[in-house]
Amino acid sequence: MYKIVRKEKLNPSIYLMDILAPLVAKSALPGQFIIVRNTEFGERIPLTVADTNPEAGTVTIVFQPVGASTLELAQFEEGEEVASFVGPLGRPSDLVTDDKEEVAKKKVVFIAGGVGTAPVYPQVKWMHEHGFDCDVIIGARNKDLIIMEDMMRAVAKNLYVCTDDGSYGFKGNVTQLLADLIENQHKEYNHAVVIGPMIMMKFACLATKKYDIPTIVSLNPIMVDGTGMCGACRVVVDGKVKFACVDGPEFDGHLVDFDQAMRRQAIYKTEEGRRKLAFQEGRTHHGGCGNCKEDK
């Protein structure tokens, strides 16, 4: 059992929790995720690690209740315990594992949309702690949906905030703000990390491709099981089938087939849709379960 030592409501629809999980806190790296189960027989919920405190033994998760399990998790209070908290899973961010001299040459901009601000934060924090400067763009529909602004401002060289309705910061979306920074403020970037809703990542990648900026995206939003067995996070990257949970969650954003992924995500939401995908995709439907040969 894993105790919830802190719970905070970041805005009307997003929660932050610190979970006591010392082993995970000591080993998790930016870009990785965990799987939490509320109860012994509960559904597996993959969530990106938003922060760690190895000294306190805590791992921070940030989530938006959208399904039954995350709605249930939002009802847990400080002092209560979740049944399991497994991780770290997935591959760490390339910025963390690449040669430090190469990272130092990068002029990095992080682009975060909505709850995607949470998985961006540990990467920006890591950059700051290792002496690397970076710019950060945070976007949301309105001011009330902006999260973790103060935390991000403490670790980013420059933080730029935008809202679709203009209620706070730059009026417009993240791609429009990026264009303004490059074209009007003469900012130069040679590396981008984009995390947020799939549609936002798609258009952000179209923008960075226009400016010839290599771009990494996190496909955590499409994960369900987190082990490659359910087939939910099957995605095509550079014409090859990949699974976000076991091959990622980070990929080259300019090579991801976002349209296919979003269509597939919509179909997967129904039981009949899942059966249809399993039939159509056959041996490539699962990513490591060992049962693909049984698909007909």
Protein backbone atom coordinates (compact mmCIF):
# COMPACT_ATOMS: atom_id res chain seq x y z
CA MET A 1 0.00 0.00 0.00
CA TYR A 2 1.19 3.51 -0.85
CA LYS A 3 0.16 6.50 1.22
CA ILE A 4 -1.04 9.80 -0.21
CA VAL A 5 0.92 12.38 1.76
CA ARG A 6 -0.32 15.45 -0.11
CA LYS A 7 -3.32 16.26 -2.25
CA GLU A 8 -3.90 19.56 -4.01
CA LYS A 9 -6.49 20.73 -6.50
CA LEU A 10 -4.54 22.70 -9.12
CA ASN A 11 -7.65 23.94 -10.90
CA PRO A 12 -11.31 22.86 -11.15
CA SER A 13 -10.40 19.73 -13.13
CA ILE A 14 -6.79 18.76 -12.29
CA TYR A 15 -5.36 17.18 -9.13
CA LEU A 16 -1.84 16.81 -7.76
CA MET A 17 -0.85 14.06 -5.33
CA ASP A 18 2.41 13.17 -3.61
CA ILE A 19 2.62 9.41 -3.09
CA LEU A 20 5.03 7.80 -0.63
CA ALA A 21 7.01 5.38 -2.82
CA PRO A 22 10.70 5.57 -1.84
CA LEU A 23 12.09 3.09 -4.38
CA VAL A 24 10.32 4.79 -7.28
CA ALA A 25 11.36 8.23 -6.02
CA LYS A 26 15.03 7.19 -6.02
CA SER A 27 15.07 5.71 -9.51
CA ALA A 28 12.54 7.63 -11.65
CA LEU A 29 13.92 9.94 -14.34
CA PRO A 30 12.20 12.71 -16.32
CA GLY A 31 10.06 11.27 -19.12
CA GLN A 32 9.17 8.04 -17.32
CA PHE A 33 5.77 7.01 -15.97
CA ILE A 34 4.21 4.90 -13.24
CA ILE A 35 1.10 2.73 -13.03
CA VAL A 36 -1.22 3.21 -10.07
CA ARG A 37 -4.12 1.02 -9.00
CA ASN A 38 -6.58 2.47 -6.52
CA THR A 39 -7.62 -0.90 -5.10
CA GLU A 40 -6.34 -4.48 -5.25
CA PHE A 41 -8.43 -5.37 -8.27
CA GLY A 42 -8.65 -1.86 -9.70
CA GLU A 43 -7.88 -0.70 -13.22
CA ARG A 44 -4.28 0.15 -14.12
CA ILE A 45 -3.76 3.90 -14.58
CA PRO A 46 -0.55 5.01 -16.34
CA LEU A 47 0.52 8.50 -15.24
CA THR A 48 3.67 10.45 -16.06
CA VAL A 49 5.95 11.25 -13.13
CA ALA A 50 5.58 14.99 -12.51
CA ASP A 51 8.29 15.27 -9.85
CA THR A 52 10.25 13.25 -7.29
CA ASN A 53 11.68 13.93 -3.86
CA PRO A 54 14.16 11.11 -3.14
CA GLU A 55 14.89 12.44 0.36
CA ALA A 56 11.23 12.41 1.36
CA GLY A 57 10.57 9.27 -0.70
CA THR A 58 7.67 10.82 -2.60
CA VAL A 59 6.58 10.83 -6.22
CA THR A 60 4.31 13.55 -7.58
CA ILE A 61 1.51 12.67 -9.99
CA VAL A 62 -0.85 15.08 -11.72
CA PHE A 63 -4.05 13.87 -13.34
CA GLN A 64 -7.35 14.99 -14.79
CA PRO A 65 -10.32 12.77 -13.88
CA VAL A 66 -11.88 11.58 -17.14
CA GLY A 67 -12.81 7.94 -16.55
CA ALA A 68 -14.15 5.88 -13.66
CA SER A 69 -10.71 5.05 -12.20
CA THR A 70 -9.33 8.59 -12.24
CA LEU A 71 -12.65 9.88 -10.87
CA GLU A 72 -12.27 7.35 -8.06
CA LEU A 73 -8.65 8.36 -7.45
CA ALA A 74 -9.74 11.99 -7.12
CA GLN A 75 -11.92 10.95 -4.16
CA PHE A 76 -8.92 9.67 -2.17
CA GLU A 77 -7.69 12.01 0.57
CA GLU A 78 -4.39 12.65 2.32
CA GLY A 79 -3.49 9.77 4.63
CA GLU A 80 -5.34 7.18 2.55
CA GLU A 81 -3.50 4.56 0.52
CA VAL A 82 -3.60 3.25 -3.03
CA ALA A 83 -3.11 -0.47 -3.57
CA SER A 84 -0.15 -0.36 -5.95
CA PHE A 85 2.26 2.14 -7.44
CA VAL A 86 4.60 0.55 -9.98
CA GLY A 87 7.53 2.14 -11.77
CA PRO A 88 9.45 3.76 -13.16
CA LEU A 89 8.36 2.53 -16.58
CA GLY A 90 9.14 3.71 -20.10
CA ARG A 91 12.28 5.30 -21.45
CA PRO A 92 13.69 8.47 -19.88
CA SER A 93 13.87 11.68 -21.87
CA ASP A 94 16.73 11.85 -24.36
CA LEU A 95 17.83 15.12 -22.76
CA VAL A 96 18.57 13.18 -19.57
CA THR A 97 20.42 10.29 -21.21
CA ASP A 98 22.27 12.12 -24.01
CA ASP A 99 25.85 13.30 -23.68
CA LYS A 100 25.87 16.46 -21.54
CA GLU A 101 28.14 18.29 -23.97
CA GLU A 102 25.59 17.69 -26.73
CA VAL A 103 22.72 18.82 -24.52
CA ALA A 104 24.62 22.02 -23.76
CA LYS A 105 24.57 22.88 -27.47
CA LYS A 106 20.79 22.71 -27.67
CA LYS A 107 18.59 25.79 -27.57
CA VAL A 108 15.53 24.09 -26.12
CA VAL A 109 11.94 25.23 -26.03
CA PHE A 110 9.38 23.18 -24.11
CA ILE A 111 5.77 23.51 -25.23
CA ALA A 112 3.11 22.33 -22.77
CA GLY A 113 -0.63 22.17 -23.27
CA GLY A 114 -3.00 21.84 -20.32
CA VAL A 115 -2.18 18.88 -18.09
CA GLY A 116 0.88 18.31 -20.30
CA THR A 117 2.56 20.95 -18.14
CA ALA A 118 3.06 18.26 -15.48
CA PRO A 119 5.35 15.92 -17.48
CA VAL A 120 7.20 18.92 -18.92
CA TYR A 121 8.11 20.20 -15.45
CA PRO A 122 10.56 17.43 -14.38
CA GLN A 123 12.49 17.82 -17.64
CA VAL A 124 12.78 21.59 -17.19
CA LYS A 125 13.75 21.08 -13.54
CA TRP A 126 16.45 18.60 -14.58
CA MET A 127 17.81 21.06 -17.15
CA HIS A 128 17.93 23.80 -14.52
CA GLU A 129 19.66 21.59 -11.95
CA HIS A 130 22.34 20.67 -14.50
CA GLY A 131 23.02 24.24 -15.58
CA PHE A 132 21.17 24.19 -18.93
CA ASP A 133 18.89 27.10 -19.84
CA CYS A 134 15.60 26.58 -21.65
CA ASP A 135 12.44 28.44 -22.57
CA VAL A 136 8.97 27.15 -21.73
CA ILE A 137 5.59 27.85 -23.32
CA ILE A 138 2.47 26.93 -21.34
CA GLY A 139 -0.92 27.10 -23.01
CA ALA A 140 -4.53 26.57 -21.93
CA ARG A 141 -8.02 27.60 -22.97
CA ASN A 142 -8.24 30.21 -20.19
CA LYS A 143 -6.44 31.50 -17.10
CA ASP A 144 -8.23 29.13 -14.70
CA LEU A 145 -6.75 26.11 -16.50
CA ILE A 146 -3.10 27.18 -16.22
CA ILE A 147 -1.24 24.92 -13.77
CA MET A 148 2.18 24.83 -12.07
CA GLU A 149 3.10 28.33 -13.27
CA ASP A 150 5.12 29.30 -10.19
CA MET A 151 6.95 25.96 -10.12
CA MET A 152 7.84 26.28 -13.79
CA ARG A 153 8.91 29.91 -13.49
CA ALA A 154 11.42 28.89 -10.80
CA VAL A 155 13.29 26.52 -13.17
CA ALA A 156 12.81 27.97 -16.66
CA LYS A 157 15.05 30.68 -18.07
CA ASN A 158 12.00 32.27 -19.69
CA LEU A 159 8.37 31.27 -19.18
CA TYR A 160 5.73 32.32 -21.70
CA VAL A 161 2.04 31.78 -20.96
CA CYS A 162 -0.78 31.91 -23.46
CA THR A 163 -4.54 31.46 -23.32
CA ASP A 164 -6.93 30.89 -26.20
CA ASP A 165 -9.34 33.54 -24.90
CA GLY A 166 -6.66 36.08 -23.94
CA SER A 167 -7.65 36.03 -20.26
CA TYR A 168 -3.99 35.68 -19.27
CA GLY A 169 -0.69 36.20 -21.04
CA PHE A 170 -0.43 36.03 -24.82
CA LYS A 171 -3.77 35.75 -26.60
CA GLY A 172 -3.64 32.68 -28.80
CA ASN A 173 -2.50 29.07 -28.75
CA VAL A 174 0.98 27.65 -28.25
CA THR A 175 1.78 27.49 -31.96
CA GLN A 176 0.85 31.14 -32.41
CA LEU A 177 3.01 32.08 -29.42
CA LEU A 178 5.92 30.06 -30.81
CA ALA A 179 5.58 31.91 -34.11
CA ASP A 180 5.57 35.24 -32.28
CA LEU A 181 8.71 34.35 -30.33
CA ILE A 182 10.58 33.31 -33.48
CA GLU A 183 9.33 35.86 -35.96
CA ASN A 184 8.81 38.95 -33.81
CA GLN A 185 11.05 38.42 -30.80
CA HIS A 186 13.81 36.76 -32.86
CA LYS A 187 14.19 33.73 -30.60
CA GLU A 188 16.25 30.84 -31.95
CA TYR A 189 15.64 27.19 -31.07
CA ASN A 190 17.19 23.96 -32.34
CA HIS A 191 15.27 21.49 -30.15
CA ALA A 192 11.65 21.32 -28.98
CA VAL A 193 9.80 19.09 -26.55
CA VAL A 194 6.00 19.14 -26.93
CA ILE A 195 3.61 17.50 -24.48
CA GLY A 196 -0.16 17.91 -24.34
CA PRO A 197 -3.36 16.71 -26.02
CA MET A 198 -2.81 14.81 -29.26
CA ILE A 199 -4.36 17.50 -31.45
CA MET A 200 -2.18 20.16 -29.83
CA MET A 201 0.98 18.07 -30.36
CA LYS A 202 0.05 17.52 -34.00
CA PHE A 203 -0.21 21.23 -34.78
CA ALA A 204 2.78 22.16 -32.65
CA CYS A 205 4.84 19.65 -34.64
CA LEU A 206 3.61 21.13 -37.90
CA ALA A 207 4.82 24.52 -36.63
CA THR A 208 8.23 23.28 -35.49
CA LYS A 209 8.68 21.45 -38.79
CA LYS A 210 8.06 24.74 -40.59
CA TYR A 211 10.87 26.31 -38.54
CA ASP A 212 13.10 23.25 -38.96
CA ILE A 213 13.23 22.53 -35.22
CA PRO A 214 13.72 18.83 -34.30
CA THR A 215 10.87 17.91 -31.97
CA ILE A 216 10.15 15.26 -29.35
CA VAL A 217 6.61 14.44 -28.21
CA SER A 218 5.29 12.26 -25.40
CA LEU A 219 2.49 9.85 -26.34
CA ASN A 220 1.54 9.14 -22.73
CA PRO A 221 -2.04 10.40 -23.41
CA ILE A 222 -2.85 7.31 -25.50
CA MET A 223 -1.67 4.70 -22.99
CA VAL A 224 -4.18 2.48 -21.17
CA ASP A 225 -2.57 -0.71 -19.83
CA GLY A 226 1.01 0.54 -19.76
CA THR A 227 2.67 -2.77 -20.62
CA GLY A 228 1.96 -3.20 -24.34
CA MET A 229 -0.61 -5.95 -23.81
CA CYS A 230 -3.84 -4.07 -24.50
CA GLY A 231 -2.82 -2.61 -27.86
CA ALA A 232 -4.25 0.83 -26.97
CA CYS A 233 -1.07 2.81 -27.55
CA ARG A 234 -0.16 1.26 -30.89
CA VAL A 235 1.12 4.08 -33.09
CA VAL A 236 2.88 4.39 -36.42
CA VAL A 237 6.20 6.25 -36.29
CA ASP A 238 8.20 6.63 -39.50
CA GLY A 239 6.05 3.91 -41.07
CA LYS A 240 6.80 1.41 -38.29
CA VAL A 241 4.45 0.13 -35.58
CA LYS A 242 5.47 1.24 -32.09
CA PHE A 243 3.88 1.11 -28.65
CA ALA A 244 4.05 4.22 -26.50
CA CYS A 245 4.37 2.32 -23.22
CA VAL A 246 7.24 -0.02 -24.13
CA ASP A 247 8.97 1.85 -26.99
CA GLY A 248 8.40 5.37 -25.62
CA PRO A 249 6.61 7.31 -24.39
CA GLU A 250 8.76 9.85 -26.26
CA PHE A 251 9.14 9.84 -30.05
CA ASP A 252 10.25 12.07 -32.90
CA GLY A 253 7.17 14.24 -33.35
CA HIS A 254 7.83 14.83 -37.03
CA LEU A 255 7.61 11.08 -37.70
CA VAL A 256 4.43 10.30 -35.71
CA ASP A 257 1.26 9.66 -37.71
CA PHE A 258 -1.01 11.78 -35.51
CA ASP A 259 -4.06 11.47 -37.74
CA GLN A 260 -3.93 7.67 -37.62
CA ALA A 261 -3.32 7.71 -33.86
CA MET A 262 -6.27 10.01 -33.16
CA ARG A 263 -8.64 8.02 -35.38
CA ARG A 264 -7.53 4.85 -33.65
CA GLN A 265 -7.91 6.43 -30.21
CA ALA A 266 -11.54 7.30 -30.99
CA ILE A 267 -12.33 3.77 -32.21
CA TYR A 268 -10.64 2.16 -29.19
CA LYS A 269 -13.08 3.80 -26.75
CA THR A 270 -15.81 1.23 -27.46
CA GLU A 271 -15.70 -2.53 -26.94
CA GLU A 272 -16.77 -3.15 -30.53
CA GLY A 273 -14.08 -0.74 -31.68
CA ARG A 274 -11.42 -2.64 -29.75
CA ARG A 275 -12.52 -5.91 -31.34
CA LYS A 276 -12.45 -4.31 -34.77
CA LEU A 277 -8.91 -3.02 -34.25
CA ALA A 278 -7.71 -6.40 -32.96
CA PHE A 279 -9.14 -8.07 -36.08
CA GLN A 280 -7.74 -5.50 -38.51
CA GLU A 281 -4.28 -5.27 -36.95
CA GLY A 282 -3.76 -8.95 -36.27
CA ARG A 283 -0.23 -9.73 -35.11
CA THR A 284 0.65 -6.06 -34.74
CA HIS A 285 -2.25 -5.25 -32.41
CA HIS A 286 -0.33 -6.01 -29.18
CA GLY A 287 3.16 -4.99 -28.19
CA GLY A 288 4.67 -7.79 -26.14
CA CYS A 289 1.86 -9.93 -24.80
CA GLY A 290 2.98 -12.99 -26.75
CA ASN A 291 -0.58 -13.77 -27.87
CA CYS A 292 -0.64 -11.91 -31.17
CA LYS A 293 -0.38 -15.19 -33.07
CA GLU A 294 -3.84 -16.04 -31.75
CA ASP A 295 -5.49 -12.99 -33.34
CA LYS A 296 -7.76 -13.85 -36.26
